[in-house]
Amino acid sequence: MAGKRTFTMIKPDAVGAGNTGAIIKMIEEAGFRIIAMKKTHLSKERAGQFYEVHKERPFYNDLTSYMSSGAIIPMILEKDNAVEDFRKLIGATNPKEAAEGTIRALFAESIEANAIHGSDSDENAQIEGSFFFSATEQF
């Protein structure tokens, strides 16, 4: 369903701070339907597989360490214009630049610990969602 689904992941900083419920509430109030959701903990190796695209970047090691430092909540969401609407809801990667009322403006600690991930394209939403959920889980 191109255009109707996106992938998100509540990151270790937000889960650890107890912000999961408030973030999920914002997602649902914005009109997104949660198709699949689970709580899990990535190993450093598994985090490295997810962020393989950044392997040559200088922040890769810190990113994979951070993403394996605590529990995460990956989700597949559904709504018309899902990717674009979700990117607006979460705000800029740097919480200092995120619009007021966005998830990152409210819950992010820093540009590194920015509370939530959101896919940047329909193609990446499908790839990222499939990393965490089987086809049968994505009913």
N, C-alpha and C. Protein backbone atom coordinates (compact mmCIF):
# COMPACT_ATOMS: atom_id res chain seq x y z
N MET A 1 0.83 -1.20 0.00
CA MET A 1 0.00 0.00 0.00
C MET A 1 0.87 1.25 0.00
N ALA A 2 1.45 1.57 -1.10
CA ALA A 2 2.31 2.76 -1.19
C ALA A 2 1.54 4.00 -0.79
N GLY A 3 2.17 4.81 0.04
CA GLY A 3 1.54 6.05 0.45
C GLY A 3 0.65 5.94 1.67
N LYS A 4 0.29 4.74 2.06
CA LYS A 4 -0.62 4.57 3.19
C LYS A 4 0.04 4.02 4.45
N ARG A 5 1.27 3.56 4.33
CA ARG A 5 1.95 3.00 5.50
C ARG A 5 3.31 3.62 5.69
N THR A 6 3.69 3.70 6.95
CA THR A 6 5.04 4.16 7.29
C THR A 6 5.54 3.35 8.47
N PHE A 7 6.82 3.48 8.72
CA PHE A 7 7.46 2.80 9.84
C PHE A 7 7.97 3.83 10.82
N THR A 8 7.84 3.52 12.09
CA THR A 8 8.42 4.35 13.13
C THR A 8 9.00 3.47 14.22
N MET A 9 9.83 4.08 15.04
CA MET A 9 10.44 3.37 16.15
C MET A 9 10.67 4.38 17.28
N ILE A 10 10.05 4.13 18.42
CA ILE A 10 10.33 4.95 19.59
C ILE A 10 11.68 4.48 20.12
N LYS A 11 12.59 5.42 20.27
CA LYS A 11 13.99 5.10 20.57
C LYS A 11 14.24 4.92 22.07
N PRO A 12 15.42 4.37 22.43
CA PRO A 12 15.72 4.05 23.83
C PRO A 12 15.57 5.21 24.81
N ASP A 13 15.91 6.43 24.40
CA ASP A 13 15.80 7.56 25.33
C ASP A 13 14.34 7.81 25.72
N ALA A 14 13.44 7.76 24.76
CA ALA A 14 12.03 8.03 25.04
C ALA A 14 11.38 6.88 25.79
N VAL A 15 11.74 5.64 25.44
CA VAL A 15 11.21 4.49 26.17
C VAL A 15 11.69 4.53 27.62
N GLY A 16 12.99 4.76 27.80
CA GLY A 16 13.57 4.81 29.14
C GLY A 16 13.01 5.92 30.01
N ALA A 17 12.62 7.01 29.39
CA ALA A 17 12.07 8.16 30.13
C ALA A 17 10.58 7.99 30.43
N GLY A 18 9.99 6.91 29.96
CA GLY A 18 8.57 6.66 30.21
C GLY A 18 7.63 7.46 29.32
N ASN A 19 8.09 7.84 28.13
CA ASN A 19 7.27 8.65 27.23
C ASN A 19 6.52 7.86 26.17
N THR A 20 6.60 6.55 26.22
CA THR A 20 5.98 5.71 25.19
C THR A 20 4.48 5.97 25.07
N GLY A 21 3.77 5.96 26.16
CA GLY A 21 2.32 6.15 26.13
C GLY A 21 1.93 7.49 25.54
N ALA A 22 2.60 8.55 25.96
CA ALA A 22 2.29 9.89 25.46
C ALA A 22 2.58 10.00 23.96
N ILE A 23 3.65 9.37 23.51
CA ILE A 23 3.99 9.41 22.08
C ILE A 23 2.96 8.62 21.27
N ILE A 24 2.61 7.44 21.73
CA ILE A 24 1.59 6.64 21.03
C ILE A 24 0.26 7.40 20.98
N LYS A 25 -0.09 8.06 22.05
CA LYS A 25 -1.33 8.84 22.06
C LYS A 25 -1.29 9.94 21.00
N MET A 26 -0.17 10.63 20.88
CA MET A 26 -0.04 11.66 19.84
C MET A 26 -0.17 11.07 18.44
N ILE A 27 0.42 9.90 18.24
CA ILE A 27 0.36 9.24 16.93
C ILE A 27 -1.08 8.91 16.59
N GLU A 28 -1.80 8.32 17.53
CA GLU A 28 -3.19 7.95 17.28
C GLU A 28 -4.08 9.18 17.13
N GLU A 29 -3.85 10.21 17.92
CA GLU A 29 -4.65 11.43 17.80
C GLU A 29 -4.41 12.15 16.48
N ALA A 30 -3.27 11.88 15.84
CA ALA A 30 -2.97 12.47 14.54
C ALA A 30 -3.61 11.66 13.40
N GLY A 31 -4.35 10.63 13.75
CA GLY A 31 -5.09 9.87 12.74
C GLY A 31 -4.39 8.63 12.21
N PHE A 32 -3.29 8.26 12.81
CA PHE A 32 -2.58 7.05 12.38
C PHE A 32 -3.18 5.83 13.07
N ARG A 33 -3.28 4.75 12.33
CA ARG A 33 -3.73 3.47 12.89
C ARG A 33 -2.49 2.59 13.04
N ILE A 34 -2.31 2.00 14.21
CA ILE A 34 -1.17 1.13 14.45
C ILE A 34 -1.50 -0.26 13.89
N ILE A 35 -0.71 -0.68 12.90
CA ILE A 35 -0.90 -1.97 12.24
C ILE A 35 -0.13 -3.06 12.97
N ALA A 36 1.08 -2.74 13.40
CA ALA A 36 1.93 -3.70 14.12
C ALA A 36 2.78 -2.91 15.11
N MET A 37 3.01 -3.52 16.28
CA MET A 37 3.80 -2.86 17.31
C MET A 37 4.36 -3.92 18.25
N LYS A 38 5.58 -3.71 18.71
CA LYS A 38 6.15 -4.60 19.73
C LYS A 38 7.25 -3.86 20.47
N LYS A 39 7.57 -4.36 21.63
CA LYS A 39 8.69 -3.84 22.40
C LYS A 39 9.82 -4.85 22.26
N THR A 40 11.00 -4.35 21.94
CA THR A 40 12.14 -5.23 21.73
C THR A 40 13.43 -4.51 22.12
N HIS A 41 14.51 -5.23 22.12
CA HIS A 41 15.82 -4.67 22.45
C HIS A 41 16.79 -5.14 21.36
N LEU A 42 17.38 -4.22 20.65
CA LEU A 42 18.33 -4.56 19.60
C LEU A 42 19.70 -4.87 20.18
N SER A 43 20.33 -5.91 19.67
CA SER A 43 21.75 -6.12 19.97
C SER A 43 22.52 -5.10 19.14
N LYS A 44 23.77 -4.87 19.48
CA LYS A 44 24.59 -3.94 18.70
C LYS A 44 24.71 -4.43 17.26
N GLU A 45 24.84 -5.73 17.09
CA GLU A 45 24.93 -6.31 15.74
C GLU A 45 23.65 -6.06 14.94
N ARG A 46 22.51 -6.27 15.56
CA ARG A 46 21.22 -6.07 14.88
C ARG A 46 21.00 -4.59 14.58
N ALA A 47 21.39 -3.71 15.50
CA ALA A 47 21.31 -2.27 15.24
C ALA A 47 22.20 -1.91 14.05
N GLY A 48 23.36 -2.53 13.96
CA GLY A 48 24.26 -2.31 12.84
C GLY A 48 23.65 -2.74 11.53
N GLN A 49 22.89 -3.83 11.54
CA GLN A 49 22.21 -4.29 10.33
C GLN A 49 21.14 -3.28 9.91
N PHE A 50 20.39 -2.76 10.87
CA PHE A 50 19.33 -1.80 10.55
C PHE A 50 19.92 -0.52 9.97
N TYR A 51 21.02 -0.06 10.53
CA TYR A 51 21.65 1.18 10.10
C TYR A 51 22.81 0.96 9.13
N GLU A 52 22.83 -0.16 8.45
CA GLU A 52 23.88 -0.51 7.50
C GLU A 52 24.18 0.62 6.50
N VAL A 53 23.16 1.33 6.09
CA VAL A 53 23.32 2.42 5.12
C VAL A 53 24.28 3.50 5.63
N HIS A 54 24.43 3.60 6.96
CA HIS A 54 25.30 4.62 7.56
C HIS A 54 26.67 4.07 7.97
N LYS A 55 26.98 2.86 7.58
CA LYS A 55 28.18 2.17 8.06
C LYS A 55 29.47 2.98 7.89
N GLU A 56 29.60 3.73 6.84
CA GLU A 56 30.82 4.49 6.58
C GLU A 56 30.79 5.88 7.21
N ARG A 57 29.70 6.25 7.85
CA ARG A 57 29.58 7.58 8.44
C ARG A 57 30.27 7.61 9.81
N PRO A 58 30.80 8.75 10.21
CA PRO A 58 31.54 8.83 11.47
C PRO A 58 30.69 8.57 12.72
N PHE A 59 29.38 8.74 12.62
CA PHE A 59 28.51 8.55 13.78
C PHE A 59 27.97 7.13 13.92
N TYR A 60 28.32 6.24 12.99
CA TYR A 60 27.76 4.88 12.95
C TYR A 60 27.95 4.12 14.27
N ASN A 61 29.14 4.10 14.82
CA ASN A 61 29.40 3.35 16.04
C ASN A 61 28.60 3.89 17.21
N ASP A 62 28.56 5.22 17.35
CA ASP A 62 27.76 5.82 18.43
C ASP A 62 26.28 5.52 18.24
N LEU A 63 25.82 5.57 16.99
CA LEU A 63 24.41 5.30 16.70
C LEU A 63 24.02 3.87 17.06
N THR A 64 24.83 2.91 16.67
CA THR A 64 24.50 1.52 16.97
C THR A 64 24.62 1.23 18.47
N SER A 65 25.55 1.88 19.14
CA SER A 65 25.65 1.73 20.60
C SER A 65 24.41 2.29 21.28
N TYR A 66 24.01 3.47 20.86
CA TYR A 66 22.82 4.11 21.42
C TYR A 66 21.56 3.27 21.17
N MET A 67 21.40 2.80 19.93
CA MET A 67 20.18 2.06 19.60
C MET A 67 20.12 0.69 20.25
N SER A 68 21.24 0.20 20.75
CA SER A 68 21.24 -1.08 21.47
C SER A 68 21.32 -0.87 22.99
N SER A 69 21.17 0.36 23.44
CA SER A 69 21.33 0.68 24.86
C SER A 69 20.07 0.47 25.70
N GLY A 70 18.95 0.21 25.06
CA GLY A 70 17.70 0.03 25.80
C GLY A 70 16.60 -0.43 24.88
N ALA A 71 15.43 -0.59 25.45
CA ALA A 71 14.27 -1.07 24.69
C ALA A 71 13.83 -0.03 23.66
N ILE A 72 13.26 -0.54 22.58
CA ILE A 72 12.66 0.28 21.53
C ILE A 72 11.25 -0.22 21.25
N ILE A 73 10.44 0.60 20.60
CA ILE A 73 9.09 0.22 20.21
C ILE A 73 8.94 0.46 18.71
N PRO A 74 9.20 -0.55 17.86
CA PRO A 74 8.96 -0.37 16.43
C PRO A 74 7.47 -0.53 16.12
N MET A 75 6.99 0.23 15.13
CA MET A 75 5.58 0.19 14.74
C MET A 75 5.42 0.41 13.25
N ILE A 76 4.40 -0.20 12.70
CA ILE A 76 3.96 0.11 11.35
C ILE A 76 2.64 0.85 11.49
N LEU A 77 2.57 2.00 10.83
CA LEU A 77 1.41 2.88 10.94
C LEU A 77 0.72 3.02 9.60
N GLU A 78 -0.58 3.27 9.66
CA GLU A 78 -1.35 3.43 8.42
C GLU A 78 -2.17 4.71 8.47
N LYS A 79 -2.15 5.43 7.35
CA LYS A 79 -2.92 6.66 7.17
C LYS A 79 -2.65 7.13 5.75
N ASP A 80 -3.58 7.80 5.13
CA ASP A 80 -3.29 8.40 3.83
C ASP A 80 -2.12 9.36 3.98
N ASN A 81 -1.23 9.38 2.98
CA ASN A 81 -0.06 10.26 2.98
C ASN A 81 0.81 10.02 4.23
N ALA A 82 0.96 8.77 4.60
CA ALA A 82 1.56 8.37 5.88
C ALA A 82 2.97 8.92 6.11
N VAL A 83 3.87 8.73 5.14
CA VAL A 83 5.26 9.13 5.36
C VAL A 83 5.36 10.63 5.60
N GLU A 84 4.79 11.42 4.71
CA GLU A 84 4.88 12.88 4.81
C GLU A 84 4.20 13.40 6.07
N ASP A 85 3.00 12.91 6.35
CA ASP A 85 2.28 13.37 7.55
C ASP A 85 3.02 12.99 8.82
N PHE A 86 3.63 11.80 8.84
CA PHE A 86 4.35 11.40 10.04
C PHE A 86 5.61 12.22 10.25
N ARG A 87 6.32 12.52 9.17
CA ARG A 87 7.51 13.36 9.30
C ARG A 87 7.15 14.72 9.88
N LYS A 88 6.00 15.26 9.53
CA LYS A 88 5.55 16.53 10.11
C LYS A 88 5.25 16.37 11.59
N LEU A 89 4.63 15.26 11.96
CA LEU A 89 4.27 15.00 13.36
C LEU A 89 5.51 14.86 14.25
N ILE A 90 6.56 14.24 13.75
CA ILE A 90 7.73 14.03 14.60
C ILE A 90 8.65 15.25 14.68
N GLY A 91 8.67 16.07 13.64
CA GLY A 91 9.50 17.27 13.66
C GLY A 91 10.92 17.01 13.19
N ALA A 92 11.69 18.07 13.13
CA ALA A 92 13.08 18.01 12.64
C ALA A 92 13.94 17.09 13.50
N THR A 93 14.95 16.50 12.88
CA THR A 93 15.88 15.60 13.58
C THR A 93 16.50 16.29 14.79
N ASN A 94 16.87 17.54 14.62
CA ASN A 94 17.41 18.32 15.73
C ASN A 94 16.23 18.91 16.50
N PRO A 95 16.00 18.49 17.74
CA PRO A 95 14.83 18.97 18.48
C PRO A 95 14.80 20.49 18.67
N LYS A 96 15.97 21.14 18.60
CA LYS A 96 16.01 22.61 18.72
C LYS A 96 15.39 23.27 17.50
N GLU A 97 15.33 22.53 16.39
CA GLU A 97 14.74 23.04 15.15
C GLU A 97 13.34 22.49 14.91
N ALA A 98 12.89 21.59 15.77
CA ALA A 98 11.57 20.96 15.59
C ALA A 98 10.46 21.95 15.95
N ALA A 99 9.42 21.93 15.15
CA ALA A 99 8.28 22.82 15.38
C ALA A 99 7.63 22.52 16.73
N GLU A 100 7.11 23.55 17.34
CA GLU A 100 6.41 23.41 18.62
C GLU A 100 5.29 22.40 18.50
N GLY A 101 5.16 21.55 19.50
CA GLY A 101 4.09 20.56 19.53
C GLY A 101 4.42 19.26 18.81
N THR A 102 5.58 19.18 18.14
CA THR A 102 5.96 17.93 17.50
C THR A 102 6.54 16.97 18.55
N ILE A 103 6.59 15.71 18.19
CA ILE A 103 7.09 14.70 19.12
C ILE A 103 8.52 15.02 19.57
N ARG A 104 9.38 15.37 18.64
CA ARG A 104 10.77 15.66 19.01
C ARG A 104 10.89 16.94 19.83
N ALA A 105 10.09 17.93 19.55
CA ALA A 105 10.12 19.16 20.35
C ALA A 105 9.73 18.86 21.79
N LEU A 106 8.81 17.94 21.96
CA LEU A 106 8.30 17.62 23.30
C LEU A 106 9.15 16.60 24.06
N PHE A 107 9.73 15.62 23.34
CA PHE A 107 10.32 14.48 24.04
C PHE A 107 11.80 14.21 23.76
N ALA A 108 12.39 14.81 22.73
CA ALA A 108 13.79 14.51 22.41
C ALA A 108 14.74 15.16 23.39
N GLU A 109 15.83 14.47 23.69
CA GLU A 109 16.86 14.99 24.59
C GLU A 109 17.93 15.75 23.83
N SER A 110 18.21 15.31 22.59
CA SER A 110 19.28 15.91 21.79
C SER A 110 19.12 15.46 20.35
N ILE A 111 20.00 15.94 19.49
CA ILE A 111 19.97 15.50 18.10
C ILE A 111 20.26 14.00 17.99
N GLU A 112 21.08 13.47 18.88
CA GLU A 112 21.39 12.04 18.89
C GLU A 112 20.26 11.24 19.54
N ALA A 113 19.80 11.67 20.69
CA ALA A 113 18.72 11.00 21.41
C ALA A 113 17.43 11.75 21.12
N ASN A 114 16.93 11.55 19.89
CA ASN A 114 15.82 12.38 19.42
C ASN A 114 14.45 11.70 19.48
N ALA A 115 14.30 10.75 20.36
CA ALA A 115 13.02 10.14 20.76
C ALA A 115 12.40 9.18 19.76
N ILE A 116 12.46 9.47 18.47
CA ILE A 116 11.67 8.67 17.53
C ILE A 116 12.30 8.68 16.13
N HIS A 117 12.11 7.59 15.44
CA HIS A 117 12.53 7.48 14.04
C HIS A 117 11.28 7.49 13.18
N GLY A 118 11.38 8.07 12.01
CA GLY A 118 10.31 8.01 11.02
C GLY A 118 10.90 7.80 9.65
N SER A 119 10.35 6.86 8.89
CA SER A 119 10.85 6.59 7.54
C SER A 119 10.76 7.84 6.68
N ASP A 120 11.72 7.97 5.76
CA ASP A 120 11.78 9.17 4.91
C ASP A 120 11.20 8.96 3.51
N SER A 121 10.74 7.74 3.22
CA SER A 121 10.13 7.47 1.91
C SER A 121 9.25 6.23 2.03
N ASP A 122 8.36 6.05 1.06
CA ASP A 122 7.52 4.85 1.04
C ASP A 122 8.39 3.60 0.92
N GLU A 123 9.42 3.67 0.08
CA GLU A 123 10.31 2.53 -0.11
C GLU A 123 11.03 2.16 1.19
N ASN A 124 11.58 3.15 1.89
CA ASN A 124 12.27 2.87 3.15
C ASN A 124 11.30 2.41 4.23
N ALA A 125 10.08 2.90 4.22
CA ALA A 125 9.08 2.43 5.19
C ALA A 125 8.86 0.94 5.05
N GLN A 126 8.78 0.48 3.82
CA GLN A 126 8.58 -0.96 3.58
C GLN A 126 9.80 -1.76 4.01
N ILE A 127 10.99 -1.29 3.66
CA ILE A 127 12.24 -1.98 4.03
C ILE A 127 12.39 -2.02 5.55
N GLU A 128 12.20 -0.88 6.20
CA GLU A 128 12.39 -0.80 7.65
C GLU A 128 11.33 -1.59 8.40
N GLY A 129 10.09 -1.53 7.93
CA GLY A 129 9.03 -2.31 8.57
C GLY A 129 9.29 -3.79 8.47
N SER A 130 9.77 -4.23 7.31
CA SER A 130 10.07 -5.65 7.10
C SER A 130 11.25 -6.13 7.93
N PHE A 131 12.11 -5.22 8.36
CA PHE A 131 13.24 -5.58 9.22
C PHE A 131 12.73 -6.08 10.59
N PHE A 132 11.64 -5.50 11.05
CA PHE A 132 11.12 -5.84 12.38
C PHE A 132 9.89 -6.75 12.38
N PHE A 133 9.13 -6.75 11.28
CA PHE A 133 7.86 -7.48 11.26
C PHE A 133 7.78 -8.36 10.02
N SER A 134 7.28 -9.59 10.20
CA SER A 134 7.04 -10.48 9.07
C SER A 134 5.79 -10.01 8.33
N ALA A 135 5.58 -10.51 7.14
CA ALA A 135 4.42 -10.14 6.34
C ALA A 135 3.12 -10.45 7.09
N THR A 136 3.09 -11.56 7.82
CA THR A 136 1.86 -11.92 8.53
C THR A 136 1.58 -10.99 9.71
N GLU A 137 2.63 -10.39 10.27
CA GLU A 137 2.45 -9.43 11.37
C GLU A 137 1.96 -8.07 10.86
N GLN A 138 2.12 -7.83 9.56
CA GLN A 138 1.76 -6.55 8.98
C GLN A 138 0.36 -6.58 8.39
N PHE A 139 -0.54 -7.31 9.03
CA PHE A 139 -1.89 -7.46 8.51
C PHE A 139 -2.41 -6.11 8.20
